Structures are given as C-alpha cells and as structure tokens.
Amino acid sequence: MSHTINHLKKLRLQRSELAVPGSSPEMIDKAANSAADFVFLDIEDAVAPPDKERARKNIIQALNDIDWRAKGKTVSVRINGLDTHYMYRDVVDVMEQAGDKLDTILVPKVGVPADLY
C-alpha cells in the first residue's frame, strides 16, 4: 500500500466549521460564500437515503465548479458510514472525479482505531 502526504502550501485558519447537506445545491453555494473557514459537504446524516446519489453528484459538481481554496476555505466531504453500502461509491466517485479539489474526507462514527481498515 502506498501513502502520499500532501503538504498545504499555506496554512488556512479553521476558526469556524459549517456542515452543508449535499442534497442542496443552494446551500452549497451559500456555504462557498460564507465566512466559515471550514466547510464539510455532507452525504451522510444530512441526506435522506433516496437523495444520497444526487447529493454525491451535487458535491462532485461543487468541488469542480467552485474554487474553495481561492475563497480561503478548507473543504471536506463527510462520507456515509463504513458499514453502509453507500460508502464505497462515496469514496471512489468523489476521489476519481474531484479528489484534487478536496482537502479531507470525514469518516463518521469511528469508535476505535480498528473501525478504519
């Protein structure tokens, strides 16, 4: 297994964090123009099961269309839990289609180190 460490060129302050449901393009746009330093685009708890695929697509589009770094924001995606059937597509689709625009992935409901395998 190979690990790559990406070093940020400029440290960004993270004084405030904003959670945004991926199912709402309007809220994503508002978050991009907000004063929050850290925005996490949520595919997990903030999105109803029938809307998860559309939310994933909205997030990928927002990552590609909005220059989050130019706006001084750290941007993250909270994927669905490791024990769900949504998680795999969340990681693969986001990373393949917009991974270079993403700062972090938030993995929910991790209780112990063994939860991350």
PDB file of N, CA and C in Angstrom:
ATOM      1  N   MET A   1       0.844  -1.167   0.000  1.00  0.00           N
ATOM      2  CA  MET A   1       0.000   0.000   0.000  1.00  0.00           C
ATOM      3  C   MET A   1       0.893   1.235   0.000  1.00  0.00           C
ATOM      4  N   SER A   2       0.537   2.199  -0.812  1.00  0.00           N
ATOM      5  CA  SER A   2       1.294   3.438  -0.917  1.00  0.00           C
ATOM      6  C   SER A   2       0.539   4.568  -0.238  1.00  0.00           C
ATOM      7  N   HIS A   3       1.257   5.394   0.459  1.00  0.00           N
ATOM      8  CA  HIS A   3       0.649   6.547   1.113  1.00  0.00           C
ATOM      9  C   HIS A   3       1.305   7.812   0.574  1.00  0.00           C
ATOM     10  N   THR A   4       0.502   8.772   0.229  1.00  0.00           N
ATOM     11  CA  THR A   4       1.002  10.048  -0.247  1.00  0.00           C
ATOM     12  C   THR A   4       0.624  11.121   0.754  1.00  0.00           C
ATOM     13  N   ILE A   5       1.576  11.923   1.125  1.00  0.00           N
ATOM     14  CA  ILE A   5       1.310  13.041   2.020  1.00  0.00           C
ATOM     15  C   ILE A   5       1.328  14.310   1.186  1.00  0.00           C
ATOM     16  N   ASN A   6       0.238  15.041   1.219  1.00  0.00           N
ATOM     17  CA  ASN A   6       0.155  16.310   0.517  1.00  0.00           C
ATOM     18  C   ASN A   6       0.311  17.425   1.533  1.00  0.00           C
ATOM     19  N   HIS A   7       1.294  18.241   1.347  1.00  0.00           N
ATOM     20  CA  HIS A   7       1.537  19.357   2.254  1.00  0.00           C
ATOM     21  C   HIS A   7       0.849  20.601   1.714  1.00  0.00           C
ATOM     22  N   LEU A   8       0.100  21.268   2.571  1.00  0.00           N
ATOM     23  CA  LEU A   8      -0.548  22.512   2.176  1.00  0.00           C
ATOM     24  C   LEU A   8       0.517  23.580   1.986  1.00  0.00           C
ATOM     25  N   LYS A   9       0.368  24.365   0.934  1.00  0.00           N
ATOM     26  CA  LYS A   9       1.328  25.431   0.686  1.00  0.00           C
ATOM     27  C   LYS A   9       1.157  26.563   1.687  1.00  0.00           C
ATOM     28  N   LYS A  10      -0.074  26.804   2.076  1.00  0.00           N
ATOM     29  CA  LYS A  10      -0.349  27.877   3.020  1.00  0.00           C
ATOM     30  C   LYS A  10      -1.349  27.352   4.040  1.00  0.00           C
ATOM     31  N   LEU A  11      -1.033  27.526   5.292  1.00  0.00           N
ATOM     32  CA  LEU A  11      -1.923  27.086   6.354  1.00  0.00           C
ATOM     33  C   LEU A  11      -3.167  27.965   6.377  1.00  0.00           C
ATOM     34  N   ARG A  12      -4.326  27.345   6.425  1.00  0.00           N
ATOM     35  CA  ARG A  12      -5.585  28.088   6.472  1.00  0.00           C
ATOM     36  C   ARG A  12      -6.186  27.986   7.863  1.00  0.00           C
ATOM     37  N   LEU A  13      -6.625  29.114   8.397  1.00  0.00           N
ATOM     38  CA  LEU A  13      -7.276  29.110   9.701  1.00  0.00           C
ATOM     39  C   LEU A  13      -8.582  28.336   9.635  1.00  0.00           C
ATOM     40  N   GLN A  14      -8.923  27.687  10.726  1.00  0.00           N
ATOM     41  CA  GLN A  14     -10.183  26.958  10.803  1.00  0.00           C
ATOM     42  C   GLN A  14     -10.894  27.356  12.090  1.00  0.00           C
ATOM     43  N   ARG A  15     -11.328  28.598  12.112  1.00  0.00           N
ATOM     44  CA  ARG A  15     -11.985  29.142  13.301  1.00  0.00           C
ATOM     45  C   ARG A  15     -13.441  28.731  13.389  1.00  0.00           C
ATOM     46  N   SER A  16     -14.037  28.453  12.235  1.00  0.00           N
ATOM     47  CA  SER A  16     -15.456  28.083  12.220  1.00  0.00           C
ATOM     48  C   SER A  16     -15.679  26.984  11.199  1.00  0.00           C
ATOM     49  N   GLU A  17     -16.645  26.118  11.487  1.00  0.00           N
ATOM     50  CA  GLU A  17     -16.949  24.972  10.630  1.00  0.00           C
ATOM     51  C   GLU A  17     -18.426  25.011  10.272  1.00  0.00           C
ATOM     52  N   LEU A  18     -18.711  24.718   9.011  1.00  0.00           N
ATOM     53  CA  LEU A  18     -20.085  24.739   8.531  1.00  0.00           C
ATOM     54  C   LEU A  18     -20.405  23.406   7.870  1.00  0.00           C
ATOM     55  N   ALA A  19     -21.452  22.742   8.344  1.00  0.00           N
ATOM     56  CA  ALA A  19     -21.924  21.489   7.745  1.00  0.00           C
ATOM     57  C   ALA A  19     -23.021  21.819   6.741  1.00  0.00           C
ATOM     58  N   VAL A  20     -22.919  21.232   5.547  1.00  0.00           N
ATOM     59  CA  VAL A  20     -23.854  21.556   4.473  1.00  0.00           C
ATOM     60  C   VAL A  20     -24.367  20.265   3.840  1.00  0.00           C
ATOM     61  N   PRO A  21     -25.693  20.091   3.762  1.00  0.00           N
ATOM     62  CA  PRO A  21     -26.217  18.888   3.115  1.00  0.00           C
ATOM     63  C   PRO A  21     -25.932  18.901   1.615  1.00  0.00           C
ATOM     64  N   GLY A  22     -25.365  17.820   1.128  1.00  0.00           N
ATOM     65  CA  GLY A  22     -25.049  17.721  -0.294  1.00  0.00           C
ATOM     66  C   GLY A  22     -26.266  17.690  -1.183  1.00  0.00           C
ATOM     67  N   SER A  23     -27.414  17.465  -0.600  1.00  0.00           N
ATOM     68  CA  SER A  23     -28.653  17.410  -1.378  1.00  0.00           C
ATOM     69  C   SER A  23     -29.173  18.797  -1.752  1.00  0.00           C
ATOM     70  N   SER A  24     -28.528  19.855  -1.271  1.00  0.00           N
ATOM     71  CA  SER A  24     -28.995  21.220  -1.525  1.00  0.00           C
ATOM     72  C   SER A  24     -27.929  22.065  -2.224  1.00  0.00           C
ATOM     73  N   PRO A  25     -27.976  22.150  -3.558  1.00  0.00           N
ATOM     74  CA  PRO A  25     -27.006  22.989  -4.273  1.00  0.00           C
ATOM     75  C   PRO A  25     -27.043  24.448  -3.818  1.00  0.00           C
ATOM     76  N   GLU A  26     -28.229  24.923  -3.448  1.00  0.00           N
ATOM     77  CA  GLU A  26     -28.349  26.311  -2.989  1.00  0.00           C
ATOM     78  C   GLU A  26     -27.559  26.531  -1.702  1.00  0.00           C
ATOM     79  N   MET A  27     -27.653  25.587  -0.781  1.00  0.00           N
ATOM     80  CA  MET A  27     -26.920  25.717   0.483  1.00  0.00           C
ATOM     81  C   MET A  27     -25.413  25.570   0.263  1.00  0.00           C
ATOM     82  N   ILE A  28     -25.032  24.738  -0.699  1.00  0.00           N
ATOM     83  CA  ILE A  28     -23.608  24.597  -1.023  1.00  0.00           C
ATOM     84  C   ILE A  28     -23.068  25.930  -1.533  1.00  0.00           C
ATOM     85  N   ASP A  29     -23.805  26.581  -2.429  1.00  0.00           N
ATOM     86  CA  ASP A  29     -23.384  27.889  -2.950  1.00  0.00           C
ATOM     87  C   ASP A  29     -23.286  28.926  -1.835  1.00  0.00           C
ATOM     88  N   LYS A  30     -24.267  28.921  -0.924  1.00  0.00           N
ATOM     89  CA  LYS A  30     -24.237  29.867   0.198  1.00  0.00           C
ATOM     90  C   LYS A  30     -23.019  29.604   1.086  1.00  0.00           C
ATOM     91  N   ALA A  31     -22.704  28.333   1.303  1.00  0.00           N
ATOM     92  CA  ALA A  31     -21.551  27.979   2.136  1.00  0.00           C
ATOM     93  C   ALA A  31     -20.247  28.467   1.510  1.00  0.00           C
ATOM     94  N   ALA A  32     -20.154  28.366   0.191  1.00  0.00           N
ATOM     95  CA  ALA A  32     -18.942  28.808  -0.504  1.00  0.00           C
ATOM     96  C   ALA A  32     -18.701  30.299  -0.306  1.00  0.00           C
ATOM     97  N   ASN A  33     -19.768  31.046  -0.147  1.00  0.00           N
ATOM     98  CA  ASN A  33     -19.658  32.499   0.014  1.00  0.00           C
ATOM     99  C   ASN A  33     -19.821  32.953   1.461  1.00  0.00           C
ATOM    100  N   SER A  34     -19.835  32.005   2.384  1.00  0.00           N
ATOM    101  CA  SER A  34     -19.999  32.330   3.805  1.00  0.00           C
ATOM    102  C   SER A  34     -18.662  32.737   4.421  1.00  0.00           C
ATOM    103  N   ALA A  35     -18.712  33.114   5.673  1.00  0.00           N
ATOM    104  CA  ALA A  35     -17.495  33.483   6.405  1.00  0.00           C
ATOM    105  C   ALA A  35     -16.823  32.274   7.056  1.00  0.00           C
ATOM    106  N   ALA A  36     -17.408  31.090   6.930  1.00  0.00           N
ATOM    107  CA  ALA A  36     -16.837  29.889   7.555  1.00  0.00           C
ATOM    108  C   ALA A  36     -15.480  29.554   6.940  1.00  0.00           C
ATOM    109  N   ASP A  37     -14.562  29.108   7.776  1.00  0.00           N
ATOM    110  CA  ASP A  37     -13.228  28.723   7.311  1.00  0.00           C
ATOM    111  C   ASP A  37     -13.190  27.280   6.810  1.00  0.00           C
ATOM    112  N   PHE A  38     -14.015  26.441   7.410  1.00  0.00           N
ATOM    113  CA  PHE A  38     -14.021  25.001   7.101  1.00  0.00           C
ATOM    114  C   PHE A  38     -15.446  24.609   6.736  1.00  0.00           C
ATOM    115  N   VAL A  39     -15.617  24.051   5.553  1.00  0.00           N
ATOM    116  CA  VAL A  39     -16.945  23.621   5.099  1.00  0.00           C
ATOM    117  C   VAL A  39     -16.891  22.125   4.857  1.00  0.00           C
ATOM    118  N   PHE A  40     -17.821  21.397   5.480  1.00  0.00           N
ATOM    119  CA  PHE A  40     -17.909  19.988   5.101  1.00  0.00           C
ATOM    120  C   PHE A  40     -19.235  19.721   4.431  1.00  0.00           C
ATOM    121  N   LEU A  41     -19.099  19.152   3.243  1.00  0.00           N
ATOM    122  CA  LEU A  41     -20.239  18.806   2.407  1.00  0.00           C
ATOM    123  C   LEU A  41     -20.664  17.402   2.814  1.00  0.00           C
ATOM    124  N   ASP A  42     -21.888  17.276   3.256  1.00  0.00           N
ATOM    125  CA  ASP A  42     -22.351  16.056   3.914  1.00  0.00           C
ATOM    126  C   ASP A  42     -23.166  15.174   2.980  1.00  0.00           C
ATOM    127  N   ILE A  43     -22.763  13.905   2.909  1.00  0.00           N
ATOM    128  CA  ILE A  43     -23.561  12.897   2.198  1.00  0.00           C
ATOM    129  C   ILE A  43     -24.199  11.955   3.214  1.00  0.00           C
ATOM    130  N   GLU A  44     -23.847  12.103   4.485  1.00  0.00           N
ATOM    131  CA  GLU A  44     -24.275  11.140   5.495  1.00  0.00           C
ATOM    132  C   GLU A  44     -25.583  11.553   6.166  1.00  0.00           C
ATOM    133  N   ASP A  45     -25.550  11.970   7.409  1.00  0.00           N
ATOM    134  CA  ASP A  45     -26.766  12.207   8.197  1.00  0.00           C
ATOM    135  C   ASP A  45     -27.681  13.299   7.654  1.00  0.00           C
ATOM    136  N   ALA A  46     -27.135  14.281   6.978  1.00  0.00           N
ATOM    137  CA  ALA A  46     -27.952  15.400   6.497  1.00  0.00           C
ATOM    138  C   ALA A  46     -28.729  15.066   5.225  1.00  0.00           C
ATOM    139  N   VAL A  47     -28.533  13.853   4.696  1.00  0.00           N
ATOM    140  CA  VAL A  47     -29.149  13.484   3.418  1.00  0.00           C
ATOM    141  C   VAL A  47     -29.995  12.226   3.587  1.00  0.00           C
ATOM    142  N   ALA A  48     -31.242  12.300   3.146  1.00  0.00           N
ATOM    143  CA  ALA A  48     -32.144  11.141   3.200  1.00  0.00           C
ATOM    144  C   ALA A  48     -31.667  10.069   2.216  1.00  0.00           C
ATOM    145  N   PRO A  49     -31.874   8.794   2.534  1.00  0.00           N
ATOM    146  CA  PRO A  49     -31.409   7.718   1.658  1.00  0.00           C
ATOM    147  C   PRO A  49     -31.786   7.863   0.175  1.00  0.00           C
ATOM    148  N   PRO A  50     -33.012   8.265  -0.171  1.00  0.00           N
ATOM    149  CA  PRO A  50     -33.314   8.377  -1.607  1.00  0.00           C
ATOM    150  C   PRO A  50     -32.534   9.490  -2.320  1.00  0.00           C
ATOM    151  N   ASP A  51     -31.937  10.403  -1.548  1.00  0.00           N
ATOM    152  CA  ASP A  51     -31.241  11.552  -2.134  1.00  0.00           C
ATOM    153  C   ASP A  51     -29.719  11.415  -2.139  1.00  0.00           C
ATOM    154  N   LYS A  52     -29.192  10.311  -1.660  1.00  0.00           N
ATOM    155  CA  LYS A  52     -27.742  10.183  -1.493  1.00  0.00           C
ATOM    156  C   LYS A  52     -26.977  10.221  -2.815  1.00  0.00           C
ATOM    157  N   GLU A  53     -27.465   9.559  -3.839  1.00  0.00           N
ATOM    158  CA  GLU A  53     -26.761   9.569  -5.124  1.00  0.00           C
ATOM    159  C   GLU A  53     -26.738  10.977  -5.721  1.00  0.00           C
ATOM    160  N   ARG A  54     -27.867  11.663  -5.670  1.00  0.00           N
ATOM    161  CA  ARG A  54     -27.942  13.038  -6.181  1.00  0.00           C
ATOM    162  C   ARG A  54     -27.036  13.937  -5.356  1.00  0.00           C
ATOM    163  N   ALA A  55     -26.995  13.762  -4.042  1.00  0.00           N
ATOM    164  CA  ALA A  55     -26.128  14.569  -3.179  1.00  0.00           C
ATOM    165  C   ALA A  55     -24.661  14.367  -3.548  1.00  0.00           C
ATOM    166  N   ARG A  56     -24.275  13.128  -3.803  1.00  0.00           N
ATOM    167  CA  ARG A  56     -22.894  12.833  -4.198  1.00  0.00           C
ATOM    168  C   ARG A  56     -22.546  13.571  -5.491  1.00  0.00           C
ATOM    169  N   LYS A  57     -23.463  13.552  -6.447  1.00  0.00           N
ATOM    170  CA  LYS A  57     -23.232  14.253  -7.721  1.00  0.00           C
ATOM    171  C   LYS A  57     -23.164  15.762  -7.513  1.00  0.00           C
ATOM    172  N   ASN A  58     -24.033  16.302  -6.668  1.00  0.00           N
ATOM    173  CA  ASN A  58     -24.002  17.738  -6.363  1.00  0.00           C
ATOM    174  C   ASN A  58     -22.655  18.135  -5.761  1.00  0.00           C
ATOM    175  N   ILE A  59     -22.163  17.314  -4.858  1.00  0.00           N
ATOM    176  CA  ILE A  59     -20.896  17.604  -4.187  1.00  0.00           C
ATOM    177  C   ILE A  59     -19.742  17.562  -5.178  1.00  0.00           C
ATOM    178  N   ILE A  60     -19.723  16.568  -6.029  1.00  0.00           N
ATOM    179  CA  ILE A  60     -18.662  16.475  -7.040  1.00  0.00           C
ATOM    180  C   ILE A  60     -18.693  17.705  -7.944  1.00  0.00           C
ATOM    181  N   GLN A  61     -19.876  18.109  -8.359  1.00  0.00           N
ATOM    182  CA  GLN A  61     -20.000  19.291  -9.206  1.00  0.00           C
ATOM    183  C   GLN A  61     -19.507  20.537  -8.469  1.00  0.00           C
ATOM    184  N   ALA A  62     -19.894  20.679  -7.202  1.00  0.00           N
ATOM    185  CA  ALA A  62     -19.473  21.848  -6.419  1.00  0.00           C
ATOM    186  C   ALA A  62     -17.961  21.870  -6.211  1.00  0.00           C
ATOM    187  N   LEU A  63     -17.369  20.716  -5.975  1.00  0.00           N
ATOM    188  CA  LEU A  63     -15.918  20.665  -5.809  1.00  0.00           C
ATOM    189  C   LEU A  63     -15.210  21.104  -7.085  1.00  0.00           C
ATOM    190  N   ASN A  64     -15.752  20.726  -8.224  1.00  0.00           N
ATOM    191  CA  ASN A  64     -15.138  21.076  -9.502  1.00  0.00           C
ATOM    192  C   ASN A  64     -15.445  22.495  -9.959  1.00  0.00           C
ATOM    193  N   ASP A  65     -16.614  23.009  -9.619  1.00  0.00           N
ATOM    194  CA  ASP A  65     -17.041  24.322 -10.123  1.00  0.00           C
ATOM    195  C   ASP A  65     -16.640  25.497  -9.235  1.00  0.00           C
ATOM    196  N   ILE A  66     -16.468  25.259  -7.950  1.00  0.00           N
ATOM    197  CA  ILE A  66     -16.167  26.342  -7.008  1.00  0.00           C
ATOM    198  C   ILE A  66     -14.698  26.245  -6.602  1.00  0.00           C
ATOM    199  N   ASP A  67     -13.998  27.363  -6.633  1.00  0.00           N
ATOM    200  CA  ASP A  67     -12.602  27.388  -6.195  1.00  0.00           C
ATOM    201  C   ASP A  67     -12.568  27.667  -4.689  1.00  0.00           C
ATOM    202  N   TRP A  68     -12.742  26.613  -3.912  1.00  0.00           N
ATOM    203  CA  TRP A  68     -12.830  26.720  -2.454  1.00  0.00           C
ATOM    204  C   TRP A  68     -11.560  27.312  -1.861  1.00  0.00           C
ATOM    205  N   ARG A  69     -10.430  26.930  -2.395  1.00  0.00           N
ATOM    206  CA  ARG A  69      -9.153  27.418  -1.851  1.00  0.00           C
ATOM    207  C   ARG A  69      -8.982  28.912  -2.100  1.00  0.00           C
ATOM    208  N   ALA A  70      -9.395  29.379  -3.266  1.00  0.00           N
ATOM    209  CA  ALA A  70      -9.318  30.817  -3.557  1.00  0.00           C
ATOM    210  C   ALA A  70     -10.218  31.606  -2.609  1.00  0.00           C
ATOM    211  N   LYS A  71     -11.259  30.956  -2.118  1.00  0.00           N
ATOM    212  CA  LYS A  71     -12.167  31.599  -1.167  1.00  0.00           C
ATOM    213  C   LYS A  71     -11.654  31.465   0.273  1.00  0.00           C
ATOM    214  N   GLY A  72     -10.474  30.834   0.424  1.00  0.00           N
ATOM    215  CA  GLY A  72      -9.867  30.700   1.745  1.00  0.00           C
ATOM    216  C   GLY A  72     -10.495  29.627   2.609  1.00  0.00           C
ATOM    217  N   LYS A  73     -11.122  28.632   1.978  1.00  0.00           N
ATOM    218  CA  LYS A  73     -11.836  27.605   2.737  1.00  0.00           C
ATOM    219  C   LYS A  73     -11.144  26.248   2.642  1.00  0.00           C
ATOM    220  N   THR A  74     -11.186  25.531   3.739  1.00  0.00           N
ATOM    221  CA  THR A  74     -10.845  24.120   3.734  1.00  0.00           C
ATOM    222  C   THR A  74     -12.150  23.399   3.457  1.00  0.00           C
ATOM    223  N   VAL A  75     -12.133  22.474   2.505  1.00  0.00           N
ATOM    224  CA  VAL A  75     -13.370  21.779   2.140  1.00  0.00           C
ATOM    225  C   VAL A  75     -13.186  20.278   2.338  1.00  0.00           C
ATOM    226  N   SER A  76     -14.218  19.682   2.894  1.00  0.00           N
ATOM    227  CA  SER A  76     -14.201  18.265   3.216  1.00  0.00           C
ATOM    228  C   SER A  76     -15.526  17.639   2.800  1.00  0.00           C
ATOM    229  N   VAL A  77     -15.506  16.334   2.641  1.00  0.00           N
ATOM    230  CA  VAL A  77     -16.737  15.588   2.375  1.00  0.00           C
ATOM    231  C   VAL A  77     -16.900  14.563   3.482  1.00  0.00           C
ATOM    232  N   ARG A  78     -18.087  14.566   4.107  1.00  0.00           N
ATOM    233  CA  ARG A  78     -18.384  13.518   5.090  1.00  0.00           C
ATOM    234  C   ARG A  78     -19.109  12.411   4.346  1.00  0.00           C
ATOM    235  N   ILE A  79     -18.436  11.269   4.237  1.00  0.00           N
ATOM    236  CA  ILE A  79     -18.998  10.117   3.538  1.00  0.00           C
ATOM    237  C   ILE A  79     -19.980   9.384   4.444  1.00  0.00           C
ATOM    238  N   ASN A  80     -20.685   8.439   3.865  1.00  0.00           N
ATOM    239  CA  ASN A  80     -21.548   7.568   4.658  1.00  0.00           C
ATOM    240  C   ASN A  80     -20.688   6.583   5.433  1.00  0.00           C
ATOM    241  N   GLY A  81     -21.246   6.021   6.476  1.00  0.00           N
ATOM    242  CA  GLY A  81     -20.522   5.116   7.358  1.00  0.00           C
ATOM    243  C   GLY A  81     -19.909   3.927   6.642  1.00  0.00           C
ATOM    244  N   LEU A  82     -18.818   3.429   7.201  1.00  0.00           N
ATOM    245  CA  LEU A  82     -18.109   2.298   6.616  1.00  0.00           C
ATOM    246  C   LEU A  82     -18.970   1.046   6.543  1.00  0.00           C
ATOM    247  N   ASP A  83     -20.000   0.984   7.360  1.00  0.00           N
ATOM    248  CA  ASP A  83     -20.868  -0.192   7.386  1.00  0.00           C
ATOM    249  C   ASP A  83     -22.079  -0.052   6.458  1.00  0.00           C
ATOM    250  N   THR A  84     -22.088   0.955   5.592  1.00  0.00           N
ATOM    251  CA  THR A  84     -23.214   1.148   4.674  1.00  0.00           C
ATOM    252  C   THR A  84     -22.808   0.788   3.251  1.00  0.00           C
ATOM    253  N   HIS A  85     -23.799   0.511   2.430  1.00  0.00           N
ATOM    254  CA  HIS A  85     -23.496   0.204   1.029  1.00  0.00           C
ATOM    255  C   HIS A  85     -23.210   1.463   0.213  1.00  0.00           C
ATOM    256  N   TYR A  86     -23.419   2.640   0.780  1.00  0.00           N
ATOM    257  CA  TYR A  86     -23.152   3.903   0.076  1.00  0.00           C
ATOM    258  C   TYR A  86     -21.670   4.286   0.116  1.00  0.00           C
ATOM    259  N   MET A  87     -20.978   3.864   1.154  1.00  0.00           N
ATOM    260  CA  MET A  87     -19.624   4.342   1.431  1.00  0.00           C
ATOM    261  C   MET A  87     -18.667   4.150   0.261  1.00  0.00           C
ATOM    262  N   TYR A  88     -18.669   2.990  -0.352  1.00  0.00           N
ATOM    263  CA  TYR A  88     -17.712   2.700  -1.423  1.00  0.00           C
ATOM    264  C   TYR A  88     -17.845   3.700  -2.561  1.00  0.00           C
ATOM    265  N   ARG A  89     -19.074   3.907  -3.041  1.00  0.00           N
ATOM    266  CA  ARG A  89     -19.296   4.852  -4.147  1.00  0.00           C
ATOM    267  C   ARG A  89     -18.958   6.270  -3.712  1.00  0.00           C
ATOM    268  N   ASP A  90     -19.231   6.622  -2.464  1.00  0.00           N
ATOM    269  CA  ASP A  90     -18.870   7.951  -1.969  1.00  0.00           C
ATOM    270  C   ASP A  90     -17.376   8.196  -2.168  1.00  0.00           C
ATOM    271  N   VAL A  91     -16.570   7.281  -1.683  1.00  0.00           N
ATOM    272  CA  VAL A  91     -15.118   7.453  -1.746  1.00  0.00           C
ATOM    273  C   VAL A  91     -14.620   7.398  -3.186  1.00  0.00           C
ATOM    274  N   VAL A  92     -14.999   6.372  -3.920  1.00  0.00           N
ATOM    275  CA  VAL A  92     -14.484   6.191  -5.279  1.00  0.00           C
ATOM    276  C   VAL A  92     -14.919   7.328  -6.198  1.00  0.00           C
ATOM    277  N   ASP A  93     -16.199   7.652  -6.210  1.00  0.00           N
ATOM    278  CA  ASP A  93     -16.683   8.695  -7.120  1.00  0.00           C
ATOM    279  C   ASP A  93     -16.090  10.060  -6.789  1.00  0.00           C
ATOM    280  N   VAL A  94     -16.087  10.428  -5.522  1.00  0.00           N
ATOM    281  CA  VAL A  94     -15.550  11.739  -5.137  1.00  0.00           C
ATOM    282  C   VAL A  94     -14.057  11.815  -5.452  1.00  0.00           C
ATOM    283  N   MET A  95     -13.295  10.803  -5.091  1.00  0.00           N
ATOM    284  CA  MET A  95     -11.850  10.848  -5.316  1.00  0.00           C
ATOM    285  C   MET A  95     -11.502  10.800  -6.800  1.00  0.00           C
ATOM    286  N   GLU A  96     -12.183   9.979  -7.570  1.00  0.00           N
ATOM    287  CA  GLU A  96     -11.875   9.897  -9.001  1.00  0.00           C
ATOM    288  C   GLU A  96     -12.275  11.160  -9.752  1.00  0.00           C
ATOM    289  N   GLN A  97     -13.384  11.764  -9.360  1.00  0.00           N
ATOM    290  CA  GLN A  97     -13.916  12.882 -10.134  1.00  0.00           C
ATOM    291  C   GLN A  97     -13.539  14.257  -9.591  1.00  0.00           C
ATOM    292  N   ALA A  98     -13.137  14.338  -8.320  1.00  0.00           N
ATOM    293  CA  ALA A  98     -12.823  15.656  -7.754  1.00  0.00           C
ATOM    294  C   ALA A  98     -11.808  15.588  -6.619  1.00  0.00           C
ATOM    295  N   GLY A  99     -11.072  14.504  -6.518  1.00  0.00           N
ATOM    296  CA  GLY A  99     -10.149  14.320  -5.401  1.00  0.00           C
ATOM    297  C   GLY A  99      -9.090  15.394  -5.267  1.00  0.00           C
ATOM    298  N   ASP A 100      -8.672  15.978  -6.388  1.00  0.00           N
ATOM    299  CA  ASP A 100      -7.644  17.014  -6.333  1.00  0.00           C
ATOM    300  C   ASP A 100      -8.171  18.343  -5.795  1.00  0.00           C
ATOM    301  N   LYS A 101      -9.487  18.467  -5.655  1.00  0.00           N
ATOM    302  CA  LYS A 101     -10.101  19.699  -5.146  1.00  0.00           C
ATOM    303  C   LYS A 101     -10.478  19.585  -3.665  1.00  0.00           C
ATOM    304  N   LEU A 102     -10.232  18.433  -3.092  1.00  0.00           N
ATOM    305  CA  LEU A 102     -10.703  18.098  -1.753  1.00  0.00           C
ATOM    306  C   LEU A 102      -9.553  18.158  -0.752  1.00  0.00           C
ATOM    307  N   ASP A 103      -9.822  18.693   0.437  1.00  0.00           N
ATOM    308  CA  ASP A 103      -8.794  18.741   1.474  1.00  0.00           C
ATOM    309  C   ASP A 103      -8.825  17.508   2.373  1.00  0.00           C
ATOM    310  N   THR A 104     -10.008  17.089   2.797  1.00  0.00           N
ATOM    311  CA  THR A 104     -10.115  15.927   3.678  1.00  0.00           C
ATOM    312  C   THR A 104     -11.403  15.161   3.405  1.00  0.00           C
ATOM    313  N   ILE A 105     -11.413  13.925   3.872  1.00  0.00           N
ATOM    314  CA  ILE A 105     -12.636  13.123   3.911  1.00  0.00           C
ATOM    315  C   ILE A 105     -12.927  12.861   5.385  1.00  0.00           C
ATOM    316  N   LEU A 106     -14.151  13.125   5.802  1.00  0.00           N
ATOM    317  CA  LEU A 106     -14.569  12.832   7.171  1.00  0.00           C
ATOM    318  C   LEU A 106     -15.242  11.467   7.190  1.00  0.00           C
ATOM    319  N   VAL A 107     -14.747  10.594   8.031  1.00  0.00           N
ATOM    320  CA  VAL A 107     -15.328   9.262   8.181  1.00  0.00           C
ATOM    321  C   VAL A 107     -16.158   9.273   9.461  1.00  0.00           C
ATOM    322  N   PRO A 108     -17.470   9.053   9.359  1.00  0.00           N
ATOM    323  CA  PRO A 108     -18.333   9.152  10.537  1.00  0.00           C
ATOM    324  C   PRO A 108     -18.314   7.896  11.400  1.00  0.00           C
ATOM    325  N   LYS A 109     -18.696   8.102  12.640  1.00  0.00           N
ATOM    326  CA  LYS A 109     -18.955   7.007  13.577  1.00  0.00           C
ATOM    327  C   LYS A 109     -17.769   6.062  13.770  1.00  0.00           C
ATOM    328  N   VAL A 110     -16.586   6.628  13.835  1.00  0.00           N
ATOM    329  CA  VAL A 110     -15.400   5.834  14.134  1.00  0.00           C
ATOM    330  C   VAL A 110     -15.267   5.805  15.650  1.00  0.00           C
ATOM    331  N   GLY A 111     -15.355   4.614  16.220  1.00  0.00           N
ATOM    332  CA  GLY A 111     -15.291   4.481  17.669  1.00  0.00           C
ATOM    333  C   GLY A 111     -13.923   4.075  18.176  1.00  0.00           C
ATOM    334  N   VAL A 112     -13.261   3.220  17.419  1.00  0.00           N
ATOM    335  CA  VAL A 112     -11.939   2.727  17.795  1.00  0.00           C
ATOM    336  C   VAL A 112     -11.077   2.673  16.538  1.00  0.00           C
ATOM    337  N   PRO A 113      -9.750   2.668  16.684  1.00  0.00           N
ATOM    338  CA  PRO A 113      -8.883   2.639  15.504  1.00  0.00           C
ATOM    339  C   PRO A 113      -9.194   1.492  14.540  1.00  0.00           C
ATOM    340  N   ALA A 114      -9.632   0.366  15.060  1.00  0.00           N
ATOM    341  CA  ALA A 114      -9.925  -0.788  14.203  1.00  0.00           C
ATOM    342  C   ALA A 114     -11.104  -0.537  13.261  1.00  0.00           C
ATOM    343  N   ASP A 115     -11.896   0.508  13.531  1.00  0.00           N
ATOM    344  CA  ASP A 115     -13.004   0.834  12.630  1.00  0.00           C
ATOM    345  C   ASP A 115     -12.502   1.290  11.264  1.00  0.00           C
ATOM    346  N   LEU A 116     -11.281   1.800  11.214  1.00  0.00           N
ATOM    347  CA  LEU A 116     -10.670   2.201   9.945  1.00  0.00           C
ATOM    348  C   LEU A 116      -9.752   1.080   9.498  1.00  0.00           C
ATOM    349  N   TYR A 117     -10.126   0.438   8.443  1.00  0.00           N
ATOM    350  CA  TYR A 117      -9.330  -0.698   7.984  1.00  0.00           C
ATOM    351  C   TYR A 117      -8.815  -0.481   6.600  1.00  0.00           C
TER     352      TYR A 117
END
